[in-house]
Amino acid sequence: MNATPAPAPDPVALAAAWTERFGDEITTEETFGGLAVGVPSDHWLAALTFARDELDCTFFDWLTGVDELEEGFAVVVHVYSPARRHHHLVRTRVPRADPVLPTATGVYRGAAWHERETFEMFGVVFEGHPHLVPLLLPDGFEGNPLRKDFVLAARVAKAWPGAKEPGESGHGAPSRRRVRPPGVPEDWGPNA
């Protein structure tokens, strides 16, 4: 006979636990199915350890980055408690000029692959990572393609196939003035 799982903790109680541990240095926000917690980067490892050890979030799901332009890069982790059935998004922000965070691999071994991908795609350096090398892009690739300031040369060299306005695909009515995709310099492309 299976035991009935315990009900998921109240998000207000979870937010109170975070605030009790970290004080006013954090932010909490109830989200669909869980709690989002913003922590300063100097509390990154302490916050992940707290989630794992005190809130029973033993399941590491994913880690990624978000380019927030002038505000820097957000690094977001999703963890889950199988025993208590609650989710947490733990996020922090690193400055664009020096995007460095300590590695979470000592807290969640599963973070290794995700940190490598975030390093490669956004340029966030995870200090202490056991093997922080490129993961997905071809050898010799330069740049971080998920940064919003990364120029997508393919968009300049070849017209976008998903034309929505009449004439944008070169067929039918005359097209409107061509507008370069965001972030593409004027001197890029075959007609420059």
N, C-alpha and C. Protein backbone atom coordinates (compact mmCIF):
# COMPACT_ATOMS: atom_id res chain seq x y z
N MET A 1 0.84 -1.18 0.00
CA MET A 1 0.00 0.00 0.00
C MET A 1 0.89 1.24 0.00
N ASN A 2 0.61 2.18 -0.90
CA ASN A 2 1.41 3.41 -1.00
C ASN A 2 0.94 4.42 0.02
N ALA A 3 1.89 5.07 0.62
CA ALA A 3 1.58 6.14 1.56
C ALA A 3 1.19 7.38 0.78
N THR A 4 0.28 8.15 1.30
CA THR A 4 -0.13 9.40 0.67
C THR A 4 0.99 10.41 0.84
N PRO A 5 1.43 11.04 -0.28
CA PRO A 5 2.51 12.03 -0.15
C PRO A 5 2.07 13.22 0.68
N ALA A 6 3.01 13.81 1.36
CA ALA A 6 2.73 14.99 2.16
C ALA A 6 2.30 16.14 1.26
N PRO A 7 1.41 16.99 1.72
CA PRO A 7 1.01 18.14 0.89
C PRO A 7 2.20 19.08 0.69
N ALA A 8 2.21 19.75 -0.45
CA ALA A 8 3.27 20.70 -0.74
C ALA A 8 3.23 21.84 0.28
N PRO A 9 4.40 22.33 0.70
CA PRO A 9 4.43 23.43 1.66
C PRO A 9 3.80 24.70 1.08
N ASP A 10 3.28 25.51 1.94
CA ASP A 10 2.70 26.78 1.58
C ASP A 10 3.81 27.72 1.08
N PRO A 11 3.62 28.37 -0.10
CA PRO A 11 4.65 29.28 -0.61
C PRO A 11 5.00 30.41 0.35
N VAL A 12 4.02 30.86 1.14
CA VAL A 12 4.29 31.92 2.12
C VAL A 12 5.25 31.41 3.19
N ALA A 13 5.06 30.17 3.61
CA ALA A 13 5.96 29.58 4.61
C ALA A 13 7.36 29.39 4.03
N LEU A 14 7.44 28.98 2.76
CA LEU A 14 8.74 28.83 2.12
C LEU A 14 9.45 30.18 1.99
N ALA A 15 8.71 31.21 1.59
CA ALA A 15 9.29 32.55 1.49
C ALA A 15 9.79 33.02 2.85
N ALA A 16 9.04 32.72 3.90
CA ALA A 16 9.46 33.10 5.26
C ALA A 16 10.74 32.38 5.65
N ALA A 17 10.90 31.12 5.25
CA ALA A 17 12.13 30.37 5.56
C ALA A 17 13.32 31.02 4.88
N TRP A 18 13.16 31.43 3.63
CA TRP A 18 14.25 32.12 2.91
C TRP A 18 14.59 33.43 3.59
N THR A 19 13.57 34.21 3.95
CA THR A 19 13.80 35.51 4.58
C THR A 19 14.44 35.36 5.95
N GLU A 20 14.02 34.34 6.69
CA GLU A 20 14.61 34.09 8.01
C GLU A 20 16.09 33.78 7.87
N ARG A 21 16.46 33.02 6.85
CA ARG A 21 17.86 32.62 6.65
C ARG A 21 18.72 33.75 6.08
N PHE A 22 18.18 34.52 5.09
CA PHE A 22 19.00 35.50 4.38
C PHE A 22 18.60 36.95 4.62
N GLY A 23 17.53 37.19 5.34
CA GLY A 23 17.13 38.56 5.65
C GLY A 23 16.63 39.33 4.44
N ASP A 24 16.83 40.64 4.49
CA ASP A 24 16.33 41.52 3.44
C ASP A 24 17.20 41.52 2.19
N GLU A 25 18.26 40.73 2.18
CA GLU A 25 19.14 40.72 1.01
C GLU A 25 18.56 39.92 -0.16
N ILE A 26 17.44 39.27 0.06
CA ILE A 26 16.84 38.45 -0.99
C ILE A 26 15.47 38.97 -1.36
N THR A 27 14.97 38.51 -2.49
CA THR A 27 13.59 38.78 -2.88
C THR A 27 12.91 37.44 -3.10
N THR A 28 11.63 37.38 -2.82
CA THR A 28 10.86 36.17 -3.08
C THR A 28 9.60 36.56 -3.84
N GLU A 29 9.20 35.65 -4.73
CA GLU A 29 8.00 35.89 -5.53
C GLU A 29 7.35 34.54 -5.81
N GLU A 30 6.07 34.46 -5.51
CA GLU A 30 5.35 33.23 -5.79
C GLU A 30 5.13 33.11 -7.29
N THR A 31 5.46 31.93 -7.83
CA THR A 31 5.28 31.67 -9.25
C THR A 31 4.38 30.46 -9.40
N PHE A 32 3.97 30.19 -10.63
CA PHE A 32 3.15 29.02 -10.87
C PHE A 32 3.93 27.77 -10.47
N GLY A 33 3.47 27.08 -9.48
CA GLY A 33 4.10 25.83 -9.06
C GLY A 33 5.30 25.98 -8.15
N GLY A 34 5.62 27.18 -7.71
CA GLY A 34 6.79 27.28 -6.85
C GLY A 34 7.08 28.68 -6.37
N LEU A 35 8.35 28.89 -6.04
CA LEU A 35 8.79 30.15 -5.48
C LEU A 35 10.05 30.58 -6.21
N ALA A 36 10.11 31.84 -6.64
CA ALA A 36 11.31 32.40 -7.25
C ALA A 36 12.02 33.22 -6.18
N VAL A 37 13.31 32.97 -6.04
CA VAL A 37 14.10 33.63 -5.01
C VAL A 37 15.29 34.32 -5.67
N GLY A 38 15.40 35.62 -5.47
CA GLY A 38 16.55 36.37 -5.97
C GLY A 38 17.55 36.57 -4.86
N VAL A 39 18.81 36.21 -5.12
CA VAL A 39 19.85 36.33 -4.10
C VAL A 39 21.03 37.12 -4.67
N PRO A 40 21.75 37.85 -3.83
CA PRO A 40 22.97 38.50 -4.30
C PRO A 40 23.99 37.43 -4.70
N SER A 41 24.86 37.77 -5.64
CA SER A 41 25.82 36.77 -6.14
C SER A 41 26.76 36.25 -5.05
N ASP A 42 27.03 37.05 -4.03
CA ASP A 42 27.92 36.57 -2.97
C ASP A 42 27.22 35.55 -2.05
N HIS A 43 25.92 35.37 -2.19
CA HIS A 43 25.18 34.34 -1.43
C HIS A 43 24.76 33.16 -2.32
N TRP A 44 25.28 33.10 -3.54
CA TRP A 44 24.86 32.09 -4.51
C TRP A 44 24.98 30.67 -3.96
N LEU A 45 26.16 30.29 -3.52
CA LEU A 45 26.36 28.92 -3.04
C LEU A 45 25.61 28.66 -1.74
N ALA A 46 25.56 29.65 -0.87
CA ALA A 46 24.82 29.49 0.39
C ALA A 46 23.33 29.27 0.10
N ALA A 47 22.80 29.98 -0.90
CA ALA A 47 21.38 29.84 -1.24
C ALA A 47 21.10 28.45 -1.82
N LEU A 48 21.98 27.97 -2.70
CA LEU A 48 21.77 26.64 -3.28
C LEU A 48 21.91 25.55 -2.21
N THR A 49 22.85 25.73 -1.31
CA THR A 49 23.04 24.77 -0.22
C THR A 49 21.83 24.78 0.70
N PHE A 50 21.30 25.96 1.00
CA PHE A 50 20.10 26.08 1.82
C PHE A 50 18.92 25.35 1.16
N ALA A 51 18.74 25.56 -0.15
CA ALA A 51 17.65 24.89 -0.86
C ALA A 51 17.79 23.38 -0.78
N ARG A 52 19.02 22.89 -0.95
CA ARG A 52 19.24 21.44 -0.93
C ARG A 52 19.10 20.86 0.48
N ASP A 53 19.77 21.47 1.44
CA ASP A 53 19.85 20.88 2.78
C ASP A 53 18.67 21.21 3.69
N GLU A 54 18.18 22.43 3.64
CA GLU A 54 17.11 22.85 4.56
C GLU A 54 15.71 22.71 3.96
N LEU A 55 15.61 22.87 2.64
CA LEU A 55 14.29 22.80 2.01
C LEU A 55 14.10 21.51 1.23
N ASP A 56 15.08 20.63 1.32
CA ASP A 56 14.98 19.28 0.74
C ASP A 56 14.89 19.28 -0.79
N CYS A 57 15.45 20.30 -1.43
CA CYS A 57 15.45 20.37 -2.90
C CYS A 57 16.65 19.59 -3.43
N THR A 58 16.51 18.29 -3.42
CA THR A 58 17.61 17.41 -3.81
C THR A 58 17.70 17.17 -5.31
N PHE A 59 16.66 17.55 -6.05
CA PHE A 59 16.64 17.33 -7.49
C PHE A 59 17.04 18.61 -8.20
N PHE A 60 18.20 18.58 -8.87
CA PHE A 60 18.65 19.70 -9.69
C PHE A 60 18.09 19.49 -11.08
N ASP A 61 17.34 20.47 -11.59
CA ASP A 61 16.71 20.34 -12.90
C ASP A 61 17.52 21.02 -13.98
N TRP A 62 17.76 22.33 -13.86
CA TRP A 62 18.52 23.04 -14.88
C TRP A 62 19.09 24.34 -14.35
N LEU A 63 20.06 24.86 -15.11
CA LEU A 63 20.69 26.16 -14.85
C LEU A 63 20.86 26.83 -16.20
N THR A 64 20.60 28.12 -16.26
CA THR A 64 20.81 28.86 -17.51
C THR A 64 21.08 30.32 -17.20
N GLY A 65 21.36 31.06 -18.26
CA GLY A 65 21.59 32.49 -18.15
C GLY A 65 20.52 33.26 -18.91
N VAL A 66 20.39 34.54 -18.58
CA VAL A 66 19.49 35.45 -19.28
C VAL A 66 20.25 36.76 -19.43
N ASP A 67 20.35 37.24 -20.67
CA ASP A 67 21.01 38.52 -20.91
C ASP A 67 20.02 39.64 -20.60
N GLU A 68 20.32 40.43 -19.59
CA GLU A 68 19.44 41.53 -19.20
C GLU A 68 20.06 42.88 -19.54
N LEU A 69 20.88 42.87 -20.60
CA LEU A 69 21.53 44.05 -21.14
C LEU A 69 22.29 44.84 -20.07
N GLU A 70 21.92 46.10 -19.83
CA GLU A 70 22.67 46.94 -18.89
C GLU A 70 22.70 46.38 -17.47
N GLU A 71 21.70 45.59 -17.12
CA GLU A 71 21.63 45.04 -15.76
C GLU A 71 22.58 43.86 -15.57
N GLY A 72 23.16 43.35 -16.63
CA GLY A 72 24.08 42.21 -16.53
C GLY A 72 23.41 40.93 -16.97
N PHE A 73 23.86 39.84 -16.38
CA PHE A 73 23.32 38.52 -16.71
C PHE A 73 22.66 37.92 -15.48
N ALA A 74 21.46 37.41 -15.65
CA ALA A 74 20.82 36.64 -14.59
C ALA A 74 21.23 35.19 -14.79
N VAL A 75 21.55 34.52 -13.70
CA VAL A 75 21.79 33.08 -13.72
C VAL A 75 20.68 32.47 -12.88
N VAL A 76 19.99 31.50 -13.48
CA VAL A 76 18.79 30.94 -12.86
C VAL A 76 18.94 29.43 -12.73
N VAL A 77 18.60 28.91 -11.55
CA VAL A 77 18.61 27.47 -11.29
C VAL A 77 17.20 27.05 -10.91
N HIS A 78 16.77 25.90 -11.43
CA HIS A 78 15.49 25.31 -11.01
C HIS A 78 15.81 24.05 -10.24
N VAL A 79 15.32 24.00 -8.99
CA VAL A 79 15.48 22.81 -8.15
C VAL A 79 14.11 22.39 -7.65
N TYR A 80 14.04 21.12 -7.23
CA TYR A 80 12.76 20.55 -6.83
C TYR A 80 12.96 19.62 -5.64
N SER A 81 11.95 19.58 -4.77
CA SER A 81 11.95 18.65 -3.65
C SER A 81 10.99 17.52 -3.96
N PRO A 82 11.51 16.33 -4.30
CA PRO A 82 10.60 15.20 -4.53
C PRO A 82 9.83 14.79 -3.28
N ALA A 83 10.46 14.93 -2.12
CA ALA A 83 9.81 14.51 -0.88
C ALA A 83 8.70 15.47 -0.46
N ARG A 84 8.95 16.78 -0.61
CA ARG A 84 7.98 17.77 -0.14
C ARG A 84 7.18 18.41 -1.29
N ARG A 85 7.53 18.06 -2.51
CA ARG A 85 6.82 18.49 -3.72
C ARG A 85 6.71 20.01 -3.86
N HIS A 86 7.86 20.67 -3.85
CA HIS A 86 7.86 22.10 -4.14
C HIS A 86 9.04 22.45 -5.04
N HIS A 87 8.84 23.51 -5.83
CA HIS A 87 9.83 23.98 -6.80
C HIS A 87 10.41 25.31 -6.33
N HIS A 88 11.67 25.53 -6.72
CA HIS A 88 12.30 26.84 -6.48
C HIS A 88 13.08 27.25 -7.70
N LEU A 89 12.94 28.50 -8.09
CA LEU A 89 13.83 29.12 -9.05
C LEU A 89 14.74 30.02 -8.23
N VAL A 90 16.00 29.71 -8.20
CA VAL A 90 16.97 30.52 -7.47
C VAL A 90 17.75 31.30 -8.52
N ARG A 91 17.76 32.62 -8.38
CA ARG A 91 18.42 33.43 -9.41
C ARG A 91 19.31 34.48 -8.77
N THR A 92 20.33 34.84 -9.52
CA THR A 92 21.22 35.90 -9.11
C THR A 92 21.60 36.68 -10.34
N ARG A 93 22.32 37.77 -10.15
CA ARG A 93 22.75 38.59 -11.28
C ARG A 93 24.23 38.88 -11.16
N VAL A 94 24.92 38.81 -12.30
CA VAL A 94 26.34 39.16 -12.36
C VAL A 94 26.49 40.31 -13.34
N PRO A 95 27.49 41.19 -13.11
CA PRO A 95 27.64 42.34 -13.99
C PRO A 95 28.13 41.93 -15.38
N ARG A 96 27.73 42.68 -16.38
CA ARG A 96 28.10 42.41 -17.76
C ARG A 96 29.62 42.52 -17.94
N ALA A 97 30.24 43.48 -17.28
CA ALA A 97 31.68 43.69 -17.44
C ALA A 97 32.52 42.57 -16.84
N ASP A 98 32.02 41.90 -15.81
CA ASP A 98 32.78 40.84 -15.14
C ASP A 98 31.82 39.74 -14.69
N PRO A 99 31.30 38.94 -15.63
CA PRO A 99 30.30 37.93 -15.28
C PRO A 99 30.93 36.68 -14.67
N VAL A 100 31.14 36.71 -13.37
CA VAL A 100 31.80 35.60 -12.68
C VAL A 100 30.95 35.17 -11.49
N LEU A 101 30.80 33.84 -11.35
CA LEU A 101 30.07 33.24 -10.22
C LEU A 101 30.84 32.00 -9.78
N PRO A 102 30.78 31.64 -8.50
CA PRO A 102 31.38 30.36 -8.11
C PRO A 102 30.56 29.20 -8.67
N THR A 103 31.23 28.12 -8.99
CA THR A 103 30.54 26.97 -9.54
C THR A 103 29.60 26.33 -8.52
N ALA A 104 28.49 25.84 -9.01
CA ALA A 104 27.51 25.15 -8.15
C ALA A 104 27.74 23.64 -8.15
N THR A 105 28.79 23.17 -8.80
CA THR A 105 29.01 21.73 -8.92
C THR A 105 29.30 21.06 -7.58
N GLY A 106 29.76 21.81 -6.60
CA GLY A 106 29.97 21.24 -5.27
C GLY A 106 28.67 21.03 -4.51
N VAL A 107 27.61 21.71 -4.93
CA VAL A 107 26.30 21.57 -4.30
C VAL A 107 25.44 20.59 -5.11
N TYR A 108 25.41 20.80 -6.43
CA TYR A 108 24.66 19.93 -7.34
C TYR A 108 25.61 19.49 -8.46
N ARG A 109 25.99 18.23 -8.46
CA ARG A 109 26.90 17.74 -9.50
C ARG A 109 26.32 17.92 -10.89
N GLY A 110 25.01 17.87 -11.01
CA GLY A 110 24.36 18.01 -12.31
C GLY A 110 24.51 19.39 -12.93
N ALA A 111 25.02 20.35 -12.18
CA ALA A 111 25.20 21.70 -12.70
C ALA A 111 26.38 21.80 -13.67
N ALA A 112 27.25 20.81 -13.71
CA ALA A 112 28.47 20.88 -14.52
C ALA A 112 28.18 21.15 -15.99
N TRP A 113 27.32 20.36 -16.59
CA TRP A 113 27.01 20.51 -18.01
C TRP A 113 26.34 21.86 -18.26
N HIS A 114 25.39 22.24 -17.42
CA HIS A 114 24.64 23.49 -17.59
C HIS A 114 25.55 24.71 -17.46
N GLU A 115 26.50 24.65 -16.54
CA GLU A 115 27.44 25.76 -16.39
C GLU A 115 28.34 25.87 -17.62
N ARG A 116 28.74 24.76 -18.18
CA ARG A 116 29.54 24.80 -19.41
C ARG A 116 28.75 25.45 -20.54
N GLU A 117 27.49 25.08 -20.66
CA GLU A 117 26.65 25.67 -21.72
C GLU A 117 26.45 27.17 -21.48
N THR A 118 26.20 27.57 -20.26
CA THR A 118 25.99 28.99 -19.93
C THR A 118 27.28 29.78 -20.14
N PHE A 119 28.41 29.19 -19.82
CA PHE A 119 29.71 29.81 -20.09
C PHE A 119 29.89 30.05 -21.58
N GLU A 120 29.59 29.05 -22.36
CA GLU A 120 29.79 29.13 -23.80
C GLU A 120 28.80 30.09 -24.47
N MET A 121 27.55 30.04 -24.08
CA MET A 121 26.52 30.83 -24.75
C MET A 121 26.43 32.27 -24.26
N PHE A 122 26.76 32.53 -22.98
CA PHE A 122 26.64 33.87 -22.42
C PHE A 122 27.97 34.47 -21.97
N GLY A 123 28.98 33.65 -21.78
CA GLY A 123 30.27 34.15 -21.30
C GLY A 123 30.35 34.29 -19.79
N VAL A 124 29.43 33.69 -19.05
CA VAL A 124 29.49 33.71 -17.59
C VAL A 124 30.53 32.68 -17.15
N VAL A 125 31.51 33.12 -16.38
CA VAL A 125 32.59 32.25 -15.91
C VAL A 125 32.20 31.68 -14.55
N PHE A 126 32.30 30.37 -14.42
CA PHE A 126 31.99 29.71 -13.15
C PHE A 126 33.31 29.28 -12.51
N GLU A 127 33.78 30.10 -11.57
CA GLU A 127 35.07 29.84 -10.91
C GLU A 127 35.02 28.53 -10.14
N GLY A 128 36.08 27.73 -10.32
CA GLY A 128 36.19 26.46 -9.62
C GLY A 128 35.53 25.30 -10.36
N HIS A 129 34.96 25.56 -11.54
CA HIS A 129 34.34 24.48 -12.31
C HIS A 129 35.41 23.46 -12.69
N PRO A 130 35.13 22.17 -12.58
CA PRO A 130 36.15 21.15 -12.84
C PRO A 130 36.60 21.05 -14.30
N HIS A 131 35.80 21.53 -15.25
CA HIS A 131 36.19 21.38 -16.67
C HIS A 131 35.40 22.39 -17.51
N LEU A 132 35.67 23.67 -17.31
CA LEU A 132 34.91 24.74 -17.98
C LEU A 132 35.49 24.98 -19.38
N VAL A 133 35.07 24.14 -20.32
CA VAL A 133 35.51 24.24 -21.71
C VAL A 133 34.27 24.27 -22.61
N PRO A 134 34.43 24.74 -23.86
CA PRO A 134 33.28 24.77 -24.77
C PRO A 134 32.62 23.41 -24.90
N LEU A 135 31.33 23.43 -25.11
CA LEU A 135 30.53 22.21 -25.10
C LEU A 135 29.81 21.96 -26.42
N LEU A 136 29.21 22.98 -27.01
CA LEU A 136 28.31 22.79 -28.14
C LEU A 136 28.79 23.39 -29.46
N LEU A 137 29.51 24.48 -29.41
CA LEU A 137 29.88 25.20 -30.63
C LEU A 137 31.12 24.60 -31.28
N PRO A 138 31.30 24.80 -32.59
CA PRO A 138 32.47 24.25 -33.26
C PRO A 138 33.77 24.88 -32.77
N ASP A 139 34.86 24.15 -32.91
CA ASP A 139 36.18 24.66 -32.53
C ASP A 139 36.45 25.98 -33.24
N GLY A 140 37.01 26.92 -32.52
CA GLY A 140 37.36 28.20 -33.09
C GLY A 140 36.23 29.22 -33.14
N PHE A 141 35.04 28.85 -32.70
CA PHE A 141 33.91 29.78 -32.71
C PHE A 141 34.22 30.93 -31.76
N GLU A 142 33.97 32.15 -32.22
CA GLU A 142 34.23 33.32 -31.39
C GLU A 142 32.93 33.99 -30.99
N GLY A 143 32.83 34.37 -29.75
CA GLY A 143 31.65 35.08 -29.27
C GLY A 143 30.73 34.19 -28.45
N ASN A 144 29.71 34.81 -27.94
CA ASN A 144 28.71 34.14 -27.11
C ASN A 144 27.35 34.37 -27.75
N PRO A 145 26.84 33.38 -28.48
CA PRO A 145 25.67 33.60 -29.34
C PRO A 145 24.34 33.90 -28.66
N LEU A 146 24.20 33.70 -27.36
CA LEU A 146 22.93 34.03 -26.72
C LEU A 146 22.95 35.41 -26.05
N ARG A 147 24.06 36.12 -26.19
CA ARG A 147 24.08 37.52 -25.73
C ARG A 147 23.28 38.35 -26.72
N LYS A 148 22.56 39.30 -26.21
CA LYS A 148 21.72 40.12 -27.08
C LYS A 148 22.53 41.02 -28.00
N ASP A 149 23.80 41.27 -27.69
CA ASP A 149 24.62 42.10 -28.57
C ASP A 149 25.40 41.27 -29.60
N PHE A 150 25.18 39.96 -29.65
CA PHE A 150 25.86 39.10 -30.61
C PHE A 150 25.22 39.29 -31.99
N VAL A 151 26.05 39.58 -32.98
CA VAL A 151 25.55 39.82 -34.33
C VAL A 151 25.32 38.49 -35.02
N LEU A 152 24.11 38.28 -35.48
CA LEU A 152 23.77 37.06 -36.22
C LEU A 152 24.05 37.29 -37.69
N ALA A 153 25.27 36.94 -38.11
CA ALA A 153 25.71 37.19 -39.48
C ALA A 153 24.81 36.49 -40.50
N ALA A 154 24.26 35.34 -40.16
CA ALA A 154 23.41 34.62 -41.09
C ALA A 154 22.17 35.42 -41.45
N ARG A 155 21.68 36.26 -40.54
CA ARG A 155 20.51 37.08 -40.82
C ARG A 155 20.83 38.17 -41.83
N VAL A 156 22.11 38.54 -41.94
CA VAL A 156 22.52 39.58 -42.87
C VAL A 156 22.82 38.97 -44.23
N ALA A 157 23.47 37.80 -44.24
CA ALA A 157 23.90 37.18 -45.48
C ALA A 157 22.75 36.56 -46.27
N LYS A 158 21.70 36.14 -45.59
CA LYS A 158 20.59 35.46 -46.25
C LYS A 158 19.27 36.03 -45.71
N ALA A 159 18.36 36.30 -46.61
CA ALA A 159 17.07 36.85 -46.18
C ALA A 159 16.34 35.88 -45.26
N TRP A 160 15.62 36.43 -44.34
CA TRP A 160 14.85 35.61 -43.40
C TRP A 160 13.74 34.90 -44.16
N PRO A 161 13.65 33.56 -44.06
CA PRO A 161 12.65 32.84 -44.84
C PRO A 161 11.22 32.99 -44.33
N GLY A 162 11.03 33.52 -43.15
CA GLY A 162 9.69 33.61 -42.56
C GLY A 162 9.02 34.94 -42.84
N ALA A 163 9.09 35.44 -44.08
CA ALA A 163 8.49 36.73 -44.42
C ALA A 163 7.00 36.74 -44.10
N LYS A 164 6.54 37.84 -43.55
CA LYS A 164 5.13 37.93 -43.16
C LYS A 164 4.38 39.00 -43.96
N GLU A 165 5.08 39.98 -44.47
CA GLU A 165 4.45 41.05 -45.22
C GLU A 165 4.51 40.75 -46.71
N PRO A 166 3.52 41.15 -47.49
CA PRO A 166 3.58 40.94 -48.94
C PRO A 166 4.83 41.61 -49.51
N GLY A 167 5.53 40.88 -50.33
CA GLY A 167 6.71 41.42 -50.97
C GLY A 167 8.01 41.18 -50.22
N GLU A 168 7.95 40.79 -48.96
CA GLU A 168 9.17 40.57 -48.20
C GLU A 168 9.96 39.38 -48.72
N SER A 169 9.28 38.44 -49.34
CA SER A 169 9.99 37.26 -49.82
C SER A 169 10.50 37.44 -51.25
N GLY A 170 10.32 38.63 -51.84
CA GLY A 170 10.78 38.85 -53.21
C GLY A 170 9.73 38.51 -54.24
N HIS A 171 8.55 38.11 -53.82
CA HIS A 171 7.48 37.74 -54.74
C HIS A 171 6.29 38.66 -54.50
N GLY A 172 5.57 38.96 -55.54
CA GLY A 172 4.34 39.73 -55.37
C GLY A 172 4.59 41.21 -55.31
N ALA A 173 3.89 41.89 -54.43
CA ALA A 173 3.93 43.36 -54.33
C ALA A 173 5.32 43.83 -53.93
N PRO A 174 5.65 45.07 -54.27
CA PRO A 174 6.96 45.60 -53.88
C PRO A 174 7.10 45.62 -52.36
N SER A 175 8.31 45.40 -51.93
CA SER A 175 8.54 45.32 -50.48
C SER A 175 8.74 46.70 -49.89
N ARG A 176 8.59 46.75 -48.60
CA ARG A 176 8.90 47.97 -47.86
C ARG A 176 10.41 48.11 -47.77
N ARG A 177 10.85 49.23 -47.27
CA ARG A 177 12.28 49.46 -47.08
C ARG A 177 12.82 48.36 -46.17
N ARG A 178 13.94 47.76 -46.55
CA ARG A 178 14.53 46.69 -45.74
C ARG A 178 15.10 47.26 -44.45
N VAL A 179 14.81 46.62 -43.37
CA VAL A 179 15.30 47.04 -42.07
C VAL A 179 16.26 45.95 -41.58
N ARG A 180 17.42 46.38 -41.13
CA ARG A 180 18.40 45.42 -40.62
C ARG A 180 17.91 44.85 -39.30
N PRO A 181 18.20 43.58 -39.04
CA PRO A 181 17.84 43.00 -37.75
C PRO A 181 18.55 43.75 -36.62
N PRO A 182 17.98 43.76 -35.43
CA PRO A 182 18.60 44.46 -34.29
C PRO A 182 20.02 43.98 -34.06
N GLY A 183 20.92 44.94 -33.83
CA GLY A 183 22.31 44.62 -33.49
C GLY A 183 23.22 44.39 -34.67
N VAL A 184 22.70 44.46 -35.90
CA VAL A 184 23.55 44.23 -37.07
C VAL A 184 24.11 45.56 -37.54
N PRO A 185 25.44 45.70 -37.59
CA PRO A 185 26.05 46.96 -38.02
C PRO A 185 25.74 47.25 -39.49
N GLU A 186 25.76 48.52 -39.87
CA GLU A 186 25.45 48.95 -41.23
C GLU A 186 26.42 48.36 -42.25
N ASP A 187 27.67 48.12 -41.87
CA ASP A 187 28.66 47.65 -42.83
C ASP A 187 28.72 46.12 -42.95
N TRP A 188 27.72 45.41 -42.46
CA TRP A 188 27.66 43.96 -42.57
C TRP A 188 26.79 43.56 -43.74
N GLY A 189 27.10 42.42 -44.33
CA GLY A 189 26.21 41.82 -45.33
C GLY A 189 26.70 41.94 -46.74
N PRO A 190 26.03 41.25 -47.66
CA PRO A 190 26.47 41.20 -49.05
C PRO A 190 26.30 42.52 -49.79
N ASN A 191 25.41 43.38 -49.34
CA ASN A 191 25.17 44.66 -50.03
C ASN A 191 25.82 45.83 -49.34
N ALA A 192 26.74 45.57 -48.43
CA ALA A 192 27.35 46.67 -47.66
C ALA A 192 28.37 47.41 -48.47
